[in-house]
Amino acid sequence: MIADPHTLTQHSLPHPHLNLSRHRRAPLVEALRHYQAAGTVAFSTPGHKGGAAANGDLRDILGAAIFASDIWLNTADHDAIQREAEDLAADAWDAERTFFLTNGSSAGNHAALLAMVGPGDEVIVARDLHTSLLTALIHTGARPIYVAPRLHPSLDISLGVSADDVAAVLAAYPAARLVVLTSPSYWGVASDVAGIATVAHARGVPLYVDEAWGPHLPFHPDLPRSAMASGADVAVTSAHKLLSSLSQGAVLNARGLRLDLGRLAATVRMGQTTSPLVPILASLDACRRQMVLEGEWMLERALELGAYARLRLEAIPGVAVRDAERLGLPSDRFDATRLVIDVQGLGTTGFAVERALRDRFGVAVEMSDLIGLVCLVTIGDSRARVDRLVTALAS
């Protein structure tokens, strides 16, 4: 049962420095409720007019509420309300300025690089970058200088980028304008972001982190430290991946010591639709409130479920689960809500197991490769859901 945020005290917050009364608010959610309660008759976009013109089959699948929530606030009100919600998010994600994104972390990657580098600029980039960062490099015309993450000697899993390797590349390319890092990885491994921030800042170079897989990190002490808490100048994170935002909802967090926040605001606008889906924005606002008020205990439950899942999966002959200890990493460099499952002992590939899980058992995993699977345990999971995964893998 989810706690009522109105009954929580300042002491129960995961971030005691945050103002509890402020974070009980959700400005975009409140604006959406007010619009619906007013019974507004809209002669504006969207054209389905509250679902009146929506296809019946689609309305049956999605429900009437999504169409009733797909509204357009007038521009002046929308901008002010969204900025209020973004300022609350900045408080929660440890930033000076936060921007809501409706095209995922990909939009943040594009905006950040467009704001920070230009044609011909040298950029130190971790080689395990997402395709959207490659796109951003193409857009900017910047010149990538790659630094490879270190690999486990026998498990073929990235152990993240080391601060020493970044320092060496910066020494070899002293004109570099930016360091770009992906952390945590698909496999839940976090790089030494604090160490990398230190070596980059010693040369006056800002650090940008694609933290798409770490929206939950600020909200529990047993998770790796977030990029912003570790000294990054800018970081993007996908609230939809592991928290409760709708798909495509992400936040771009920044502080302006080594970049122009006004320029960043401009590049964010350049890459965003001028007709955002209000339910995505409202879900980011609601997600921020939820994580500030309830996040620590919800993530505690997710961590407990992750430990339970690993214990049960390890009991299956031929299955191994990789964690910080097996990877030789300190516990603060691995996200223990991630299940990294090695199925080589079953004499098959992760690709084949993923297909069998989906086709035969109705179980969907996050990703697979030749070695195994990655499954996400989030604040939305339960023991019954974990049991279904384990039972399917054991079959």
Protein backbone atom coordinates (compact mmCIF):
# COMPACT_ATOMS: atom_id res chain seq x y z
CA MET A 1 0.00 0.00 0.00
CA ILE A 2 1.44 3.39 -1.06
CA ALA A 3 1.78 5.87 1.75
CA ASP A 4 -0.27 9.03 1.73
CA PRO A 5 2.25 11.82 1.05
CA HIS A 6 0.25 14.17 3.25
CA THR A 7 1.06 12.00 6.28
CA LEU A 8 4.83 12.02 5.75
CA THR A 9 7.13 14.09 7.90
CA GLN A 10 10.33 15.94 6.98
CA HIS A 11 12.36 13.23 8.74
CA SER A 12 10.90 10.51 6.49
CA LEU A 13 12.07 12.18 3.27
CA PRO A 14 15.05 10.65 1.43
CA HIS A 15 16.34 14.24 1.00
CA PRO A 16 15.78 15.96 4.37
CA HIS A 17 17.00 19.29 2.93
CA LEU A 18 14.01 19.45 0.55
CA ASN A 19 11.00 21.52 1.48
CA LEU A 20 8.25 18.96 2.12
CA SER A 21 5.31 21.29 1.61
CA ARG A 22 6.61 22.41 -1.80
CA HIS A 23 7.04 18.85 -3.02
CA ARG A 24 3.50 17.86 -2.10
CA ARG A 25 2.47 19.99 -5.06
CA ALA A 26 2.40 18.87 -8.69
CA PRO A 27 1.68 22.00 -10.75
CA LEU A 28 1.09 20.28 -14.09
CA VAL A 29 -1.18 17.65 -12.52
CA GLU A 30 -3.12 20.41 -10.79
CA ALA A 31 -3.47 22.39 -14.04
CA LEU A 32 -4.77 19.33 -15.85
CA ARG A 33 -7.36 18.70 -13.12
CA HIS A 34 -8.42 22.34 -13.19
CA TYR A 35 -8.85 22.32 -16.98
CA GLN A 36 -11.00 19.20 -16.85
CA ALA A 37 -13.10 20.50 -13.95
CA ALA A 38 -13.77 23.75 -15.81
CA GLY A 39 -15.58 21.90 -18.59
CA THR A 40 -13.69 23.91 -21.21
CA VAL A 41 -14.99 23.68 -24.80
CA ALA A 42 -11.85 23.78 -26.92
CA PHE A 43 -11.57 25.26 -30.40
CA SER A 44 -7.86 24.46 -30.44
CA THR A 45 -5.64 21.46 -30.95
CA PRO A 46 -5.80 18.50 -30.63
CA GLY A 47 -8.33 17.73 -33.34
CA HIS A 48 -9.89 14.70 -31.64
CA LYS A 49 -11.59 17.16 -29.22
CA GLY A 50 -11.32 15.21 -25.99
CA GLY A 51 -11.73 11.89 -27.78
CA ALA A 52 -15.00 12.75 -29.55
CA ALA A 53 -13.39 12.02 -32.92
CA ALA A 54 -11.11 9.23 -31.74
CA ASN A 55 -11.27 5.86 -33.46
CA GLY A 56 -13.50 3.55 -31.44
CA ASP A 57 -11.06 0.64 -31.40
CA LEU A 58 -8.26 2.86 -30.17
CA ARG A 59 -10.51 4.45 -27.54
CA ASP A 60 -11.47 0.98 -26.31
CA ILE A 61 -7.79 0.05 -25.95
CA LEU A 62 -6.53 3.28 -24.41
CA GLY A 63 -9.60 4.36 -22.49
CA ALA A 64 -11.36 7.71 -22.53
CA ALA A 65 -9.10 9.32 -19.90
CA ILE A 66 -6.05 9.59 -22.14
CA PHE A 67 -8.01 11.59 -24.71
CA ALA A 68 -9.60 13.78 -22.04
CA SER A 69 -6.09 14.50 -20.74
CA ASP A 70 -4.64 15.33 -24.15
CA ILE A 71 -5.32 19.05 -23.93
CA TRP A 72 -3.64 22.34 -24.73
CA LEU A 73 -3.24 24.87 -21.95
CA ASN A 74 -2.95 28.42 -23.21
CA THR A 75 0.67 29.25 -23.94
CA ALA A 76 1.26 31.76 -21.14
CA ASP A 77 -0.17 29.49 -18.47
CA HIS A 78 1.54 26.40 -19.85
CA ASP A 79 5.02 27.92 -19.84
CA ALA A 80 4.72 29.27 -16.31
CA ILE A 81 3.23 26.05 -14.91
CA GLN A 82 5.81 23.86 -16.63
CA ARG A 83 8.66 26.04 -15.33
CA GLU A 84 7.30 25.71 -11.79
CA ALA A 85 7.21 21.92 -12.18
CA GLU A 86 10.72 21.91 -13.65
CA ASP A 87 12.07 23.95 -10.74
CA LEU A 88 10.67 21.39 -8.31
CA ALA A 89 12.33 18.66 -10.38
CA ALA A 90 15.65 20.53 -10.25
CA ASP A 91 15.37 20.50 -6.47
CA ALA A 92 14.75 16.75 -6.49
CA TRP A 93 17.46 15.80 -9.01
CA ASP A 94 20.10 18.09 -7.47
CA ALA A 95 20.31 20.56 -10.36
CA GLU A 96 20.33 24.33 -10.85
CA ARG A 97 17.98 24.02 -13.83
CA THR A 98 15.90 21.09 -15.10
CA PHE A 99 14.11 20.76 -18.43
CA PHE A 100 11.24 18.33 -19.06
CA LEU A 101 11.66 16.32 -22.26
CA THR A 102 8.93 14.54 -24.22
CA ASN A 103 11.25 12.70 -26.62
CA GLY A 104 13.23 10.74 -24.06
CA SER A 105 16.88 11.15 -23.12
CA SER A 106 17.70 11.19 -26.83
CA ALA A 107 16.35 14.75 -27.01
CA GLY A 108 18.53 15.70 -24.04
CA ASN A 109 21.63 14.25 -25.67
CA HIS A 110 20.98 16.29 -28.81
CA ALA A 111 20.26 19.51 -26.91
CA ALA A 112 23.22 19.22 -24.53
CA LEU A 113 25.83 18.66 -27.22
CA LEU A 114 24.37 21.38 -29.46
CA ALA A 115 24.68 23.78 -26.52
CA MET A 116 28.20 22.80 -25.50
CA VAL A 117 30.25 22.07 -28.65
CA GLY A 118 30.45 23.03 -32.31
CA PRO A 119 32.03 22.00 -35.61
CA GLY A 120 35.56 20.65 -35.21
CA ASP A 121 35.56 20.68 -31.41
CA GLU A 122 37.23 17.65 -29.84
CA VAL A 123 34.96 15.71 -27.50
CA ILE A 124 36.14 12.87 -25.26
CA VAL A 125 33.41 10.24 -25.61
CA ALA A 126 33.00 6.88 -23.88
CA ARG A 127 32.88 4.19 -26.59
CA ASP A 128 29.71 2.58 -25.18
CA LEU A 129 27.64 5.61 -26.16
CA HIS A 130 23.98 5.47 -27.19
CA THR A 131 23.05 5.98 -30.84
CA SER A 132 21.43 9.32 -29.95
CA LEU A 133 24.84 10.61 -28.85
CA LEU A 134 26.28 9.55 -32.21
CA THR A 135 23.46 11.53 -33.81
CA ALA A 136 24.30 14.52 -31.61
CA LEU A 137 27.94 14.36 -32.71
CA ILE A 138 26.79 14.39 -36.34
CA HIS A 139 24.49 17.36 -35.69
CA THR A 140 27.24 19.39 -34.01
CA GLY A 141 30.09 18.49 -36.32
CA ALA A 142 32.25 17.81 -33.26
CA ARG A 143 35.16 15.37 -33.51
CA PRO A 144 34.86 12.37 -31.16
CA ILE A 145 37.93 11.10 -29.31
CA TYR A 146 36.92 7.72 -27.96
CA VAL A 147 37.84 6.24 -24.60
CA ALA A 148 36.95 2.59 -24.10
CA PRO A 149 35.34 1.22 -20.95
CA ARG A 150 37.29 -1.51 -19.21
CA LEU A 151 35.98 -5.05 -19.66
CA HIS A 152 35.77 -7.89 -17.16
CA PRO A 153 38.51 -10.36 -18.19
CA SER A 154 36.19 -13.37 -18.47
CA LEU A 155 32.57 -12.20 -18.38
CA ASP A 156 32.67 -9.74 -21.32
CA ILE A 157 30.79 -7.10 -19.32
CA SER A 158 31.81 -3.46 -19.30
CA LEU A 159 33.14 -2.28 -15.94
CA GLY A 160 32.75 1.39 -16.84
CA VAL A 161 35.21 4.07 -17.79
CA SER A 162 38.04 4.82 -15.38
CA ALA A 163 39.09 8.29 -14.29
CA ASP A 164 42.73 7.42 -15.09
CA ASP A 165 41.84 6.59 -18.69
CA VAL A 166 39.93 9.84 -19.09
CA ALA A 167 42.84 11.78 -17.58
CA ALA A 168 45.24 10.15 -20.05
CA VAL A 169 43.06 11.03 -23.05
CA LEU A 170 42.63 14.61 -21.81
CA ALA A 171 46.41 14.90 -21.51
CA ALA A 172 46.79 13.64 -25.09
CA TYR A 173 44.07 15.99 -26.39
CA PRO A 174 44.40 19.18 -24.33
CA ALA A 175 42.08 21.12 -26.66
CA ALA A 176 39.11 18.86 -25.80
CA ARG A 177 36.00 20.89 -25.01
CA LEU A 178 33.80 18.27 -23.33
CA VAL A 179 33.82 14.81 -21.72
CA VAL A 180 30.78 12.63 -22.48
CA LEU A 181 30.01 9.55 -20.44
CA THR A 182 27.25 6.93 -20.31
CA SER A 183 26.57 5.83 -16.72
CA PRO A 184 25.05 3.58 -15.54
CA SER A 185 25.19 1.12 -18.40
CA TYR A 186 22.52 -1.25 -19.67
CA TRP A 187 24.04 -3.82 -17.30
CA GLY A 188 23.73 -1.56 -14.25
CA VAL A 189 27.43 -0.70 -13.96
CA ALA A 190 28.23 2.89 -12.96
CA SER A 191 31.51 4.51 -13.94
CA ASP A 192 33.58 6.52 -11.46
CA VAL A 193 31.65 9.69 -12.29
CA ALA A 194 33.04 11.66 -9.35
CA GLY A 195 36.62 10.78 -10.28
CA ILE A 196 36.03 11.63 -13.93
CA ALA A 197 34.39 14.94 -12.98
CA THR A 198 37.46 15.78 -10.91
CA VAL A 199 39.97 15.14 -13.72
CA ALA A 200 37.81 16.93 -16.30
CA HIS A 201 37.22 19.98 -14.12
CA ALA A 202 40.92 20.19 -13.29
CA ARG A 203 41.41 21.10 -16.97
CA GLY A 204 38.35 23.36 -17.07
CA VAL A 205 36.41 20.84 -19.16
CA PRO A 206 32.71 20.19 -18.40
CA LEU A 207 31.32 16.68 -17.96
CA TYR A 208 28.10 15.52 -19.60
CA VAL A 209 26.53 12.22 -18.49
CA ASP A 210 23.93 10.21 -20.36
CA GLU A 211 22.27 8.83 -17.23
CA ALA A 212 19.21 7.48 -19.03
CA TRP A 213 19.34 4.33 -16.91
CA GLY A 214 19.67 6.15 -13.58
CA PRO A 215 16.59 8.27 -12.84
CA HIS A 216 16.17 6.54 -9.47
CA LEU A 217 19.73 6.99 -8.22
CA PRO A 218 19.19 10.15 -6.11
CA PHE A 219 16.40 8.57 -4.11
CA HIS A 220 18.06 5.69 -2.23
CA PRO A 221 21.41 5.61 -0.38
CA ASP A 222 22.22 2.03 -1.46
CA LEU A 223 22.25 2.92 -5.16
CA PRO A 224 25.21 4.46 -7.00
CA ARG A 225 25.50 8.21 -6.56
CA SER A 226 23.73 10.17 -9.26
CA ALA A 227 25.69 12.04 -11.90
CA MET A 228 24.67 15.45 -10.58
CA ALA A 229 25.60 14.51 -7.00
CA SER A 230 28.94 13.27 -8.36
CA GLY A 231 29.83 16.60 -9.95
CA ALA A 232 28.55 16.34 -13.53
CA ASP A 233 27.72 19.65 -15.17
CA VAL A 234 24.82 18.28 -17.19
CA ALA A 235 23.05 14.91 -17.10
CA VAL A 236 19.98 13.53 -18.81
CA THR A 237 17.90 10.79 -17.24
CA SER A 238 14.85 8.83 -18.38
CA ALA A 239 12.17 8.87 -15.72
CA HIS A 240 10.10 6.54 -17.92
CA LYS A 241 12.69 3.75 -17.95
CA LEU A 242 12.74 2.85 -14.26
CA LEU A 243 10.26 5.16 -12.54
CA SER A 244 6.58 5.95 -13.09
CA SER A 245 6.60 8.51 -15.90
CA LEU A 246 4.92 7.70 -19.19
CA SER A 247 7.18 6.55 -22.03
CA GLN A 248 9.29 9.33 -23.60
CA GLY A 249 9.34 11.29 -20.31
CA ALA A 250 12.86 12.40 -19.37
CA VAL A 251 14.60 15.25 -17.54
CA LEU A 252 17.71 17.19 -18.48
CA ASN A 253 19.54 18.46 -15.39
CA ALA A 254 22.20 21.15 -15.43
CA ARG A 255 24.20 23.61 -13.41
CA GLY A 256 25.74 26.62 -15.09
CA LEU A 257 29.29 27.00 -13.81
CA ARG A 258 30.84 25.65 -17.04
CA LEU A 259 28.04 26.20 -19.56
CA ASP A 260 25.52 28.79 -20.67
CA LEU A 261 22.12 27.77 -19.30
CA GLY A 262 20.38 30.20 -21.65
CA ARG A 263 21.99 28.53 -24.64
CA LEU A 264 20.97 25.13 -23.28
CA ALA A 265 17.37 26.32 -22.90
CA ALA A 266 17.45 27.42 -26.54
CA THR A 267 18.75 24.08 -27.83
CA VAL A 268 16.16 22.23 -25.75
CA ARG A 269 13.44 24.27 -27.46
CA MET A 270 14.99 23.58 -30.86
CA GLY A 271 14.66 19.83 -30.39
CA GLN A 272 11.27 19.65 -28.69
CA THR A 273 7.82 19.66 -30.21
CA THR A 274 5.80 22.84 -29.71
CA SER A 275 2.76 20.61 -29.13
CA PRO A 276 3.82 18.39 -26.23
CA LEU A 277 1.58 15.63 -24.92
CA VAL A 278 0.47 17.08 -21.58
CA PRO A 279 0.01 13.62 -19.97
CA ILE A 280 3.75 12.98 -20.46
CA LEU A 281 4.65 16.29 -18.82
CA ALA A 282 2.16 15.71 -15.99
CA SER A 283 3.57 12.22 -15.45
CA LEU A 284 7.05 13.70 -14.98
CA ASP A 285 5.66 16.13 -12.44
CA ALA A 286 3.79 13.38 -10.58
CA CYS A 287 6.85 11.12 -10.73
CA ARG A 288 9.01 13.80 -9.09
CA ARG A 289 6.50 14.22 -6.27
CA GLN A 290 6.24 10.47 -5.80
CA MET A 291 10.00 9.96 -5.62
CA VAL A 292 10.63 12.80 -3.19
CA LEU A 293 7.82 11.75 -0.85
CA GLU A 294 7.81 7.96 -1.26
CA GLY A 295 10.86 7.04 -3.32
CA GLU A 296 13.17 5.67 -0.67
CA TRP A 297 10.80 3.01 0.65
CA MET A 298 9.61 2.13 -2.86
CA LEU A 299 13.20 1.62 -3.97
CA GLU A 300 13.94 -0.33 -0.78
CA ARG A 301 11.22 -2.74 -1.86
CA ALA A 302 12.70 -2.94 -5.38
CA LEU A 303 16.16 -3.69 -3.97
CA GLU A 304 14.72 -6.42 -1.76
CA LEU A 305 12.93 -7.93 -4.78
CA GLY A 306 16.18 -7.81 -6.75
CA ALA A 307 17.98 -9.72 -4.00
CA TYR A 308 15.13 -12.25 -3.83
CA ALA A 309 15.22 -12.71 -7.60
CA ARG A 310 18.98 -13.29 -7.65
CA LEU A 311 18.68 -15.89 -4.90
CA ARG A 312 15.97 -17.81 -6.76
CA LEU A 313 17.61 -17.51 -10.19
CA GLU A 314 20.95 -18.76 -8.85
CA ALA A 315 19.19 -21.95 -7.78
CA ILE A 316 18.42 -22.80 -11.42
CA PRO A 317 21.08 -25.15 -12.87
CA GLY A 318 22.97 -23.46 -15.69
CA VAL A 319 21.92 -19.92 -14.72
CA ALA A 320 24.26 -17.35 -13.14
CA VAL A 321 23.43 -13.81 -12.05
CA ARG A 322 26.11 -11.14 -12.20
CA ASP A 323 26.32 -8.58 -9.40
CA ALA A 324 28.89 -6.17 -7.97
CA GLU A 325 30.79 -8.93 -6.14
CA ARG A 326 31.07 -11.19 -9.19
CA LEU A 327 32.15 -8.27 -11.34
CA GLY A 328 34.78 -7.23 -8.80
CA LEU A 329 33.18 -3.83 -8.26
CA PRO A 330 32.42 -1.92 -5.06
CA SER A 331 28.73 -2.02 -4.23
CA ASP A 332 28.33 1.69 -5.01
CA ARG A 333 29.28 1.04 -8.65
CA PHE A 334 26.42 -1.37 -9.41
CA ASP A 335 22.66 -0.89 -9.52
CA ALA A 336 21.29 -3.86 -7.59
CA THR A 337 17.81 -3.44 -9.07
CA ARG A 338 19.25 -4.77 -12.36
CA LEU A 339 19.20 -8.52 -13.05
CA VAL A 340 22.09 -9.47 -15.33
CA ILE A 341 21.40 -13.13 -16.10
CA ASP A 342 24.02 -15.37 -17.76
CA VAL A 343 22.41 -18.34 -19.57
CA GLN A 344 25.51 -19.82 -21.23
CA GLY A 345 25.30 -22.74 -18.81
CA LEU A 346 21.99 -23.70 -20.43
CA GLY A 347 23.79 -24.30 -23.71
CA THR A 348 21.92 -21.52 -25.49
CA THR A 349 21.98 -17.78 -26.10
CA GLY A 350 20.22 -14.89 -24.45
CA PHE A 351 18.49 -14.21 -27.77
CA ALA A 352 16.91 -17.68 -27.81
CA VAL A 353 15.88 -17.49 -24.16
CA GLU A 354 14.30 -14.06 -24.64
CA ARG A 355 12.23 -15.39 -27.54
CA ALA A 356 11.12 -18.45 -25.56
CA LEU A 357 10.19 -16.38 -22.51
CA ARG A 358 8.01 -14.08 -24.58
CA ASP A 359 6.44 -16.68 -26.90
CA ARG A 360 5.87 -19.50 -24.41
CA PHE A 361 5.44 -17.74 -21.08
CA GLY A 362 4.40 -14.15 -21.84
CA VAL A 363 7.45 -12.76 -20.02
CA ALA A 364 9.27 -9.82 -21.61
CA VAL A 365 12.86 -8.89 -20.69
CA GLU A 366 14.63 -5.58 -21.30
CA MET A 367 17.32 -6.92 -23.62
CA SER A 368 19.36 -9.97 -24.58
CA ASP A 369 22.69 -10.81 -26.17
CA LEU A 370 24.75 -13.91 -26.89
CA ILE A 371 25.53 -14.38 -23.20
CA GLY A 372 22.30 -13.64 -21.40
CA LEU A 373 19.48 -11.31 -20.45
CA VAL A 374 18.94 -8.05 -18.63
CA CYS A 375 15.76 -7.67 -16.58
CA LEU A 376 14.67 -4.54 -14.75
CA VAL A 377 13.23 -4.70 -11.24
CA THR A 378 11.46 -1.41 -10.61
CA ILE A 379 9.15 0.27 -8.12
CA GLY A 380 6.27 -1.29 -10.06
CA ASP A 381 7.28 -4.91 -9.44
CA SER A 382 6.07 -7.48 -6.93
CA ARG A 383 7.13 -10.88 -5.65
CA ALA A 384 4.47 -12.52 -7.83
CA ARG A 385 5.97 -10.93 -10.95
CA VAL A 386 9.47 -12.07 -9.98
CA ASP A 387 8.17 -15.59 -9.31
CA ARG A 388 6.70 -15.70 -12.80
CA LEU A 389 10.08 -14.81 -14.33
CA VAL A 390 11.88 -17.42 -12.25
CA THR A 391 9.31 -20.14 -13.00
CA ALA A 392 9.54 -19.42 -16.73
CA LEU A 393 13.35 -19.55 -16.74
CA ALA A 394 13.33 -22.80 -14.77
CA SER A 395 10.93 -24.48 -17.23
